[in-house]
């Protein structure tokens, strides 16, 4: 991730109002409402590419492994140098993996 991208990201946490807004958003989730949808994504039986950052301190690799186990036929790649924003942390590798995944689906 570039220095400028990091600067832009942190603007959302620049003052108390913005930090409290993020906290309120995260705390507002009613995750019980998601229970009826458990397993629905897997029932679509579509190819899935899961790219995960090994350094993600918010959502660890165990979560990626759970998604992979629940999505039959999915592909999981853990990007060793990436965190929560894997696409920003390893953009070339992530893009290459996606292009390869899609190319194998259309050929």
C-alpha atoms as a PDB file:
ATOM      1  CA  UNK A   1       0.000   0.000   0.000  1.00  0.00           C
ATOM      2  CA  UNK A   2       1.412   3.370  -0.930  1.00  0.00           C
ATOM      3  CA  UNK A   3       2.074   6.080   1.617  1.00  0.00           C
ATOM      4  CA  UNK A   4      -0.522   8.305  -0.081  1.00  0.00           C
ATOM      5  CA  UNK A   5      -3.156   5.556   0.157  1.00  0.00           C
ATOM      6  CA  UNK A   6      -2.476   5.251   3.879  1.00  0.00           C
ATOM      7  CA  UNK A   7      -2.783   9.019   4.314  1.00  0.00           C
ATOM      8  CA  UNK A   8      -6.132   8.996   2.498  1.00  0.00           C
ATOM      9  CA  UNK A   9      -7.422   6.044   4.527  1.00  0.00           C
ATOM     10  CA  UNK A  10      -6.595   7.677   7.869  1.00  0.00           C
ATOM     11  CA  UNK A  11      -8.504  10.835   6.974  1.00  0.00           C
ATOM     12  CA  UNK A  12     -11.636   8.952   8.003  1.00  0.00           C
ATOM     13  CA  UNK A  13     -10.243   8.787  11.553  1.00  0.00           C
ATOM     14  CA  UNK A  14      -8.841  12.320  11.694  1.00  0.00           C
ATOM     15  CA  UNK A  15     -10.963  13.652  14.556  1.00  0.00           C
ATOM     16  CA  UNK A  16     -13.268  12.531  17.357  1.00  0.00           C
ATOM     17  CA  UNK A  17     -16.412  12.942  15.264  1.00  0.00           C
ATOM     18  CA  UNK A  18     -15.108  10.654  12.531  1.00  0.00           C
ATOM     19  CA  UNK A  19     -13.704   8.080  14.961  1.00  0.00           C
ATOM     20  CA  UNK A  20     -16.978   7.966  16.900  1.00  0.00           C
ATOM     21  CA  UNK A  21     -18.894   7.615  13.625  1.00  0.00           C
ATOM     22  CA  UNK A  22     -16.882   4.526  12.696  1.00  0.00           C
ATOM     23  CA  UNK A  23     -17.348   3.052  16.146  1.00  0.00           C
ATOM     24  CA  UNK A  24     -21.100   3.660  15.997  1.00  0.00           C
ATOM     25  CA  UNK A  25     -21.291   2.012  12.587  1.00  0.00           C
ATOM     26  CA  UNK A  26     -19.449  -1.108  13.767  1.00  0.00           C
ATOM     27  CA  UNK A  27     -21.547  -1.361  16.920  1.00  0.00           C
ATOM     28  CA  UNK A  28     -24.824  -0.911  15.043  1.00  0.00           C
ATOM     29  CA  UNK A  29     -24.671  -4.263  13.280  1.00  0.00           C
ATOM     30  CA  UNK A  30     -27.459  -6.648  14.232  1.00  0.00           C
ATOM     31  CA  UNK A  31     -25.778  -9.869  13.220  1.00  0.00           C
ATOM     32  CA  UNK A  32     -28.748 -12.010  14.330  1.00  0.00           C
ATOM     33  CA  UNK A  33     -30.539 -10.713  11.235  1.00  0.00           C
ATOM     34  CA  UNK A  34     -27.975 -12.542   9.111  1.00  0.00           C
ATOM     35  CA  UNK A  35     -28.768 -15.998  10.535  1.00  0.00           C
ATOM     36  CA  UNK A  36     -31.519 -16.786   7.977  1.00  0.00           C
ATOM     37  CA  UNK A  37     -28.917 -16.367   5.233  1.00  0.00           C
ATOM     38  CA  UNK A  38     -26.457 -18.869   6.673  1.00  0.00           C
ATOM     39  CA  UNK A  39     -25.270 -21.178   3.899  1.00  0.00           C
ATOM     40  CA  UNK A  40     -27.031 -19.261   1.122  1.00  0.00           C
ATOM     41  CA  UNK A  41     -23.838 -18.238  -0.644  1.00  0.00           C
ATOM     42  CA  UNK A  42     -22.659 -21.850  -0.772  1.00  0.00           C
ATOM     43  CA  UNK A  43     -26.015 -22.940  -2.178  1.00  0.00           C
ATOM     44  CA  UNK A  44     -25.338 -20.889  -5.321  1.00  0.00           C
ATOM     45  CA  UNK A  45     -22.562 -23.360  -6.219  1.00  0.00           C
ATOM     46  CA  UNK A  46     -20.540 -20.783  -8.105  1.00  0.00           C
ATOM     47  CA  UNK A  47     -16.765 -20.665  -8.419  1.00  0.00           C
ATOM     48  CA  UNK A  48     -15.209 -18.554  -5.694  1.00  0.00           C
ATOM     49  CA  UNK A  49     -11.746 -17.116  -5.249  1.00  0.00           C
ATOM     50  CA  UNK A  50     -10.892 -16.185  -1.681  1.00  0.00           C
ATOM     51  CA  UNK A  51      -7.880 -13.906  -1.286  1.00  0.00           C
ATOM     52  CA  UNK A  52      -6.906 -13.236   2.329  1.00  0.00           C
ATOM     53  CA  UNK A  53      -4.164 -11.279   4.044  1.00  0.00           C
ATOM     54  CA  UNK A  54      -2.117 -13.335   6.465  1.00  0.00           C
ATOM     55  CA  UNK A  55      -1.380 -10.195   8.484  1.00  0.00           C
ATOM     56  CA  UNK A  56      -5.088  -9.288   8.857  1.00  0.00           C
ATOM     57  CA  UNK A  57      -5.555  -8.475  12.542  1.00  0.00           C
ATOM     58  CA  UNK A  58      -9.302  -7.855  12.104  1.00  0.00           C
ATOM     59  CA  UNK A  59     -10.319 -11.083  10.353  1.00  0.00           C
ATOM     60  CA  UNK A  60      -7.777 -13.843  10.813  1.00  0.00           C
ATOM     61  CA  UNK A  61      -6.889 -16.641   8.440  1.00  0.00           C
ATOM     62  CA  UNK A  62      -9.196 -19.009  10.359  1.00  0.00           C
ATOM     63  CA  UNK A  63     -12.115 -17.022   8.934  1.00  0.00           C
ATOM     64  CA  UNK A  64     -10.748 -17.501   5.413  1.00  0.00           C
ATOM     65  CA  UNK A  65     -10.409 -21.213   6.063  1.00  0.00           C
ATOM     66  CA  UNK A  66     -14.027 -21.313   7.263  1.00  0.00           C
ATOM     67  CA  UNK A  67     -15.255 -19.611   4.078  1.00  0.00           C
ATOM     68  CA  UNK A  68     -13.154 -21.990   2.007  1.00  0.00           C
ATOM     69  CA  UNK A  69     -14.592 -25.029   3.797  1.00  0.00           C
ATOM     70  CA  UNK A  70     -18.158 -23.765   3.402  1.00  0.00           C
ATOM     71  CA  UNK A  71     -17.844 -22.832  -0.276  1.00  0.00           C
ATOM     72  CA  UNK A  72     -17.375 -26.131  -2.056  1.00  0.00           C
ATOM     73  CA  UNK A  73     -14.880 -25.905  -4.875  1.00  0.00           C
ATOM     74  CA  UNK A  74     -13.567 -22.527  -3.777  1.00  0.00           C
ATOM     75  CA  UNK A  75      -9.924 -21.571  -4.058  1.00  0.00           C
ATOM     76  CA  UNK A  76      -8.116 -19.959  -1.136  1.00  0.00           C
ATOM     77  CA  UNK A  77      -4.877 -18.041  -1.400  1.00  0.00           C
ATOM     78  CA  UNK A  78      -3.385 -16.406   1.672  1.00  0.00           C
ATOM     79  CA  UNK A  79      -1.203 -13.438   0.793  1.00  0.00           C
ATOM     80  CA  UNK A  80       1.686 -13.469   3.264  1.00  0.00           C
ATOM     81  CA  UNK A  81       2.527  -9.764   3.062  1.00  0.00           C
ATOM     82  CA  UNK A  82      -1.069  -8.483   3.113  1.00  0.00           C
ATOM     83  CA  UNK A  83      -3.303  -7.354   5.924  1.00  0.00           C
ATOM     84  CA  UNK A  84      -7.033  -6.580   5.936  1.00  0.00           C
ATOM     85  CA  UNK A  85      -6.763  -4.646   2.669  1.00  0.00           C
ATOM     86  CA  UNK A  86      -5.112  -7.409   0.653  1.00  0.00           C
ATOM     87  CA  UNK A  87      -5.892  -5.778  -2.698  1.00  0.00           C
ATOM     88  CA  UNK A  88      -4.059  -2.635  -1.615  1.00  0.00           C
ATOM     89  CA  UNK A  89      -1.194  -4.425   0.127  1.00  0.00           C
ATOM     90  CA  UNK A  90      -0.344  -6.803  -2.729  1.00  0.00           C
ATOM     91  CA  UNK A  91      -2.134  -5.339  -5.778  1.00  0.00           C
ATOM     92  CA  UNK A  92      -0.038  -7.000  -8.491  1.00  0.00           C
ATOM     93  CA  UNK A  93      -0.247 -10.442  -6.942  1.00  0.00           C
ATOM     94  CA  UNK A  94      -3.966 -10.121  -6.167  1.00  0.00           C
ATOM     95  CA  UNK A  95      -4.725  -8.942  -9.708  1.00  0.00           C
ATOM     96  CA  UNK A  96      -2.662 -11.766 -11.192  1.00  0.00           C
ATOM     97  CA  UNK A  97      -4.481 -14.358  -9.111  1.00  0.00           C
ATOM     98  CA  UNK A  98      -7.856 -12.938 -10.139  1.00  0.00           C
ATOM     99  CA  UNK A  99      -6.952 -12.861 -13.837  1.00  0.00           C
ATOM    100  CA  UNK A 100      -5.732 -16.456 -13.630  1.00  0.00           C
ATOM    101  CA  UNK A 101      -8.889 -17.542 -11.801  1.00  0.00           C
ATOM    102  CA  UNK A 102     -11.147 -15.891 -14.381  1.00  0.00           C
ATOM    103  CA  UNK A 103      -9.115 -17.160 -17.350  1.00  0.00           C
ATOM    104  CA  UNK A 104      -9.541 -20.742 -16.152  1.00  0.00           C
ATOM    105  CA  UNK A 105     -13.321 -20.182 -16.016  1.00  0.00           C
ATOM    106  CA  UNK A 106     -13.739 -18.864 -19.566  1.00  0.00           C
ATOM    107  CA  UNK A 107     -11.341 -21.106 -21.464  1.00  0.00           C
END
